[in-house]
Protein backbone atom coordinates (compact mmCIF):
# COMPACT_ATOMS: atom_id res chain seq x y z
CA MET A 1 -136.24 144.63 179.24
CA SER A 2 -137.03 148.15 178.09
CA ALA A 3 -134.79 151.13 178.81
CA ARG A 4 -137.55 152.57 181.04
CA GLY A 5 -137.58 149.38 183.14
CA VAL A 6 -133.80 149.47 183.53
CA ARG A 7 -133.90 153.10 184.67
CA ARG A 8 -136.66 152.32 187.22
CA SER A 9 -134.69 149.34 188.60
CA ARG A 10 -131.56 151.43 189.03
CA ALA A 11 -133.51 154.21 190.78
CA GLU A 12 -135.05 151.70 193.16
CA GLU A 13 -131.62 150.21 193.91
CA GLU A 14 -130.16 153.66 194.62
CA GLU A 15 -133.09 154.53 196.89
CA GLU A 16 -132.76 151.22 198.73
CA SER A 17 -129.00 151.75 199.13
CA TYR A 18 -129.67 155.23 200.54
CA PHE A 19 -132.06 153.89 203.19
CA ILE A 20 -129.63 151.10 204.12
CA SER A 21 -126.86 153.68 204.62
CA MET A 22 -129.17 155.83 206.77
CA ALA A 23 -130.14 152.79 208.85
CA ASP A 24 -126.50 151.83 209.36
CA MET A 25 -125.69 155.39 210.47
CA MET A 26 -128.61 155.46 212.93
CA VAL A 27 -127.54 152.11 214.41
CA GLY A 28 -124.01 153.45 214.79
CA LEU A 29 -125.24 156.62 216.50
CA LEU A 30 -127.45 154.56 218.81
CA PHE A 31 -124.46 152.39 219.72
CA VAL A 32 -122.35 155.48 220.51
CA PHE A 33 -125.19 156.89 222.63
CA ILE A 34 -125.46 153.63 224.61
CA ILE A 35 -121.69 153.61 225.23
CA LEU A 36 -121.79 157.22 226.46
CA LEU A 37 -124.78 156.49 228.66
CA LEU A 38 -122.99 153.53 230.25
CA TYR A 39 -119.85 155.61 230.77
CA PHE A 40 -121.68 158.43 232.55
CA ALA A 41 -123.72 155.94 234.58
CA LEU A 42 -120.47 154.35 235.74
CA GLN A 43 -119.06 157.79 236.58
CA PHE A 44 -122.15 158.62 238.62
CA GLN A 45 -122.03 155.29 240.43
CA GLN A 46 -118.35 155.72 241.27
CA LYS A 47 -118.88 159.30 242.44
CA SER A 48 -121.82 158.28 244.61
CA LYS A 49 -119.79 155.49 246.20
CA ALA A 50 -116.90 157.85 246.91
CA LEU A 51 -119.24 160.32 248.60
CA SER A 52 -120.88 157.53 250.59
CA ASP A 53 -117.48 156.22 251.69
CA ALA A 54 -116.40 159.72 252.72
CA GLY A 55 -119.57 160.21 254.77
CA GLU A 56 -119.11 156.86 256.47
CA ALA A 57 -115.46 157.62 257.26
CA ARG A 58 -116.37 161.04 258.69
CA ALA A 59 -119.09 159.59 260.91
CA GLN A 60 -116.62 157.03 262.24
CA LEU A 61 -114.02 159.76 262.78
CA LEU A 62 -116.44 161.90 264.81
CA THR A 63 -117.53 158.92 266.90
CA GLU A 64 -113.91 158.06 267.71
CA LEU A 65 -113.09 161.67 268.59
CA LYS A 66 -116.06 162.01 270.92
CA ARG A 67 -115.15 158.78 272.67
CA GLU A 68 -111.49 159.78 273.07
CA ILE A 69 -112.34 163.29 274.29
CA GLU A 70 -114.75 162.09 276.95
CA ARG A 71 -112.32 159.35 277.96
CA SER A 72 -109.59 161.97 278.43
CA ASP A 73 -111.87 164.37 280.37
CA ARG A 74 -115.00 162.79 281.82
CA THR A 75 -116.43 166.19 282.75
CA LEU A 76 -116.29 167.43 279.14
CA LYS A 77 -119.37 166.63 277.07
CA VAL A 78 -119.22 167.31 273.35
CA THR A 79 -121.86 166.76 270.69
CA ILE A 80 -121.38 165.46 267.16
CA ASP A 81 -123.47 165.68 264.00
CA PRO A 82 -122.36 163.00 261.53
CA VAL A 83 -124.53 164.48 258.76
CA THR A 84 -122.84 167.91 258.75
CA GLY A 85 -119.52 166.62 260.05
CA VAL A 86 -119.44 168.90 263.11
CA LEU A 87 -118.12 168.38 266.63
CA THR A 88 -119.38 171.09 269.01
CA LEU A 89 -117.78 172.51 272.14
CA PRO A 90 -120.08 174.78 274.19
CA ALA A 91 -118.54 178.23 274.66
CA ALA A 92 -119.44 178.24 278.37
CA VAL A 93 -116.83 175.52 278.89
CA LEU A 94 -114.16 177.55 277.09
CA PHE A 95 -114.77 181.27 277.64
CA ALA A 96 -116.32 183.73 280.05
CA LYS A 97 -119.28 185.60 278.52
CA GLY A 98 -118.04 188.37 276.25
CA ASP A 99 -114.40 187.24 276.49
CA ASP A 100 -112.30 185.70 273.74
CA ARG A 101 -109.56 184.39 276.02
CA LEU A 102 -109.70 180.75 277.05
CA SER A 103 -110.41 180.25 280.73
CA ALA A 104 -108.34 177.79 282.77
CA GLY A 105 -111.14 175.25 282.30
CA GLY A 106 -111.22 176.12 278.60
CA GLN A 107 -107.52 175.44 278.23
CA ALA A 108 -107.98 172.05 279.89
CA ALA A 109 -110.91 171.27 277.58
CA VAL A 110 -108.93 172.21 274.46
CA ALA A 111 -106.05 170.06 275.73
CA ALA A 112 -108.40 167.07 275.97
CA VAL A 113 -109.63 167.75 272.44
CA GLY A 114 -106.07 168.11 271.18
CA ARG A 115 -104.96 164.82 272.71
CA ALA A 116 -107.92 163.05 271.12
CA MET A 117 -107.17 164.64 267.74
CA ALA A 118 -103.51 163.58 267.99
CA ARG A 119 -104.58 159.98 268.55
CA VAL A 120 -107.33 159.77 265.93
CA LEU A 121 -106.51 162.14 263.06
CA PRO A 122 -103.33 160.39 261.80
CA CYS A 123 -105.62 157.54 260.71
CA TYR A 124 -107.39 159.97 258.35
CA THR A 125 -104.56 162.26 257.14
CA LEU A 126 -101.15 162.16 255.51
CA PRO A 127 -98.66 160.77 256.22
CA ARG A 128 -101.07 157.86 256.67
CA ARG A 129 -100.86 155.76 259.81
CA SER A 130 -102.59 152.39 259.93
CA ALA A 131 -101.12 150.91 263.12
CA GLY A 132 -103.54 151.30 266.00
CA CYS A 133 -106.38 152.53 263.79
CA SER A 134 -109.76 150.96 264.51
CA TYR A 135 -111.10 152.02 261.10
CA VAL A 136 -109.12 151.74 257.85
CA THR A 137 -110.26 153.87 254.89
CA GLU A 138 -108.87 155.39 251.70
CA ARG A 139 -110.78 158.61 252.39
CA SER A 140 -108.84 161.37 254.13
CA ILE A 141 -109.56 164.71 255.78
CA ASP A 142 -109.37 167.70 253.44
CA ALA A 143 -109.79 170.43 256.08
CA ILE A 144 -110.91 171.07 259.65
CA PHE A 145 -112.49 174.48 260.23
CA ILE A 146 -112.37 175.76 263.79
CA GLU A 147 -115.50 177.93 263.74
CA GLY A 148 -116.46 180.56 266.28
CA HIS A 149 -120.17 181.34 266.85
CA THR A 150 -121.99 183.75 269.17
CA ASP A 151 -125.57 184.46 270.18
CA SER A 152 -127.57 187.38 268.79
CA ASP A 153 -127.10 189.72 271.75
CA PRO A 154 -125.31 192.87 270.54
CA PHE A 155 -121.69 193.08 271.64
CA THR A 156 -120.85 196.61 272.71
CA GLY A 157 -117.12 196.17 272.25
CA ASN A 158 -114.18 196.72 274.53
CA GLY A 159 -111.79 198.52 272.23
CA ARG A 160 -110.01 195.43 271.02
CA ILE A 161 -113.16 193.53 270.00
CA GLY A 162 -115.74 195.51 268.08
CA ASP A 163 -118.70 193.18 267.61
CA ASN A 164 -119.91 189.58 267.60
CA LEU A 165 -118.04 188.81 264.38
CA ASP A 166 -114.78 189.91 265.98
CA LEU A 167 -115.58 187.95 269.15
CA SER A 168 -116.29 184.72 267.24
CA ALA A 169 -113.16 185.07 265.09
CA PHE A 170 -110.91 185.78 268.10
CA ARG A 171 -112.35 182.81 269.98
CA ALA A 172 -111.75 180.49 267.04
CA ALA A 173 -108.21 181.85 266.57
CA ASN A 174 -107.37 181.44 270.26
CA THR A 175 -108.68 177.86 270.21
CA PHE A 176 -106.47 177.20 267.18
CA ARG A 177 -103.43 178.76 268.88
CA GLN A 178 -104.01 176.71 272.02
CA LEU A 179 -104.07 173.51 269.97
CA ARG A 180 -100.75 174.50 268.39
CA THR A 181 -99.25 175.42 271.77
CA LEU A 182 -99.84 171.87 272.98
CA ASP A 183 -97.24 170.69 270.43
CA LEU A 184 -99.06 167.43 269.68
CA GLY A 185 -97.99 167.23 266.04
CA LEU A 186 -101.27 168.51 264.61
CA ASP A 187 -99.40 171.08 262.48
CA GLY A 188 -97.70 168.25 260.62
CA LEU A 189 -100.93 166.60 259.46
CA ARG A 190 -101.66 167.13 255.77
CA ASN A 191 -104.46 166.51 253.29
CA SER A 192 -104.03 164.74 249.96
CA ALA A 193 -102.73 167.98 248.39
CA GLY A 194 -100.01 168.26 251.04
CA GLN A 195 -101.69 171.24 252.75
CA PRO A 196 -102.22 171.74 256.51
CA ILE A 197 -105.70 170.66 257.55
CA LEU A 198 -106.43 173.16 260.36
CA SER A 199 -108.00 176.53 259.59
CA VAL A 200 -110.05 179.20 261.37
CA SER A 201 -113.31 181.04 260.67
CA GLY A 202 -115.70 183.26 262.61
CA TYR A 203 -119.40 183.75 261.89
CA GLY A 204 -120.68 185.91 264.74
CA GLU A 205 -124.41 185.34 265.20
CA ALA A 206 -124.96 184.52 261.49
CA ARG A 207 -125.14 180.72 261.90
CA PRO A 208 -127.24 179.76 264.93
CA VAL A 209 -127.90 176.14 265.81
CA PRO A 210 -130.62 174.83 263.42
CA ASN A 211 -134.19 174.97 264.78
CA ASN A 212 -133.06 177.08 267.72
CA PRO A 213 -134.86 180.46 267.92
CA GLY A 214 -132.26 181.77 270.38
CA LEU A 215 -134.79 183.67 272.50
CA SER A 216 -134.22 182.30 275.99
CA GLU A 217 -130.87 182.31 277.76
CA ALA A 218 -130.70 178.52 277.45
CA GLN A 219 -131.26 178.76 273.70
CA LYS A 220 -128.70 181.54 273.36
CA SER A 221 -126.12 179.46 275.21
CA LEU A 222 -126.46 176.77 272.53
CA ASN A 223 -125.53 179.32 269.86
CA ARG A 224 -122.40 180.37 271.76
CA ARG A 225 -120.04 177.62 270.69
CA ILE A 226 -116.90 176.44 268.93
CA ASP A 227 -117.54 174.02 266.08
CA LEU A 228 -114.92 171.76 264.56
CA ARG A 229 -116.18 171.15 261.02
CA PHE A 230 -114.58 168.21 259.21
CA LEU A 231 -114.46 168.20 255.40
CA MET A 232 -113.43 164.96 253.71
CA ASP A 233 -111.45 164.69 250.51
CA THR A 234 -113.61 163.39 247.64
CA PRO A 235 -112.63 162.81 243.98
CA LYS A 236 -113.14 165.80 241.72
CA ALA A 237 -115.30 165.42 238.63
CA ASP A 238 -112.34 165.77 236.25
CA ASN A 239 -110.40 163.11 238.17
CA LEU A 240 -113.02 160.38 237.96
CA GLY A 241 -111.29 158.73 235.02
CA ASP A 242 -108.05 158.52 237.00
CA LEU A 243 -109.96 157.14 239.99
CA LEU A 244 -111.54 154.42 237.87
CA THR A 245 -108.15 153.49 236.39
CA ARG A 246 -106.53 153.24 239.83
CA GLN A 247 -109.27 150.98 241.16
CA GLN A 248 -109.29 148.53 238.23
């Protein structure tokens, strides 16, 4: 074989070896990509299941609360929205128009709500109670916001309360204080971080009932309300690996 033929053969071998190395590297990268894709797909599936479980637990919680409240006080009618996690008390049951202080009927209504919460919430908070619970779940309550809402009619103020925002906040705070006064153990309920679950917020007229123009007196009365908004604890994105490890 001539020297030229030997040189050509070696060049072809080197070129072939180069392409084989490139092919091996591409296969390796494709394998890594597939592994990453499967990992993130599993993360997404686990996160979706956790959110679904939390929504199901919250819907069950609201249903139980409504049943217990109306069993405790048959004259008190509350509404629930499982999608948003809200239990609504009409303000007319709790307060006189323009007043932030609970009426006698309002105190009785809050007492009925408090008794129902004391029976149901320990099944969804820490320390966890399973005895007597009709629904057993790993999901727990993260927070309950006691929200005050008003209609859009301007509030002229009475010295102590300046506007609708003040009125809604005072109403929510007084509802919260009444629940604590009942001494039903609600202060001792904790979320997974060991924090109290009850909190207060006021929105004035800023958050009317959806699809309610609030023009007639009947429509305005729907906007005057106390909402109990339930937020469930769900796994954080950076804790998904720990969640997967715990459930294996």
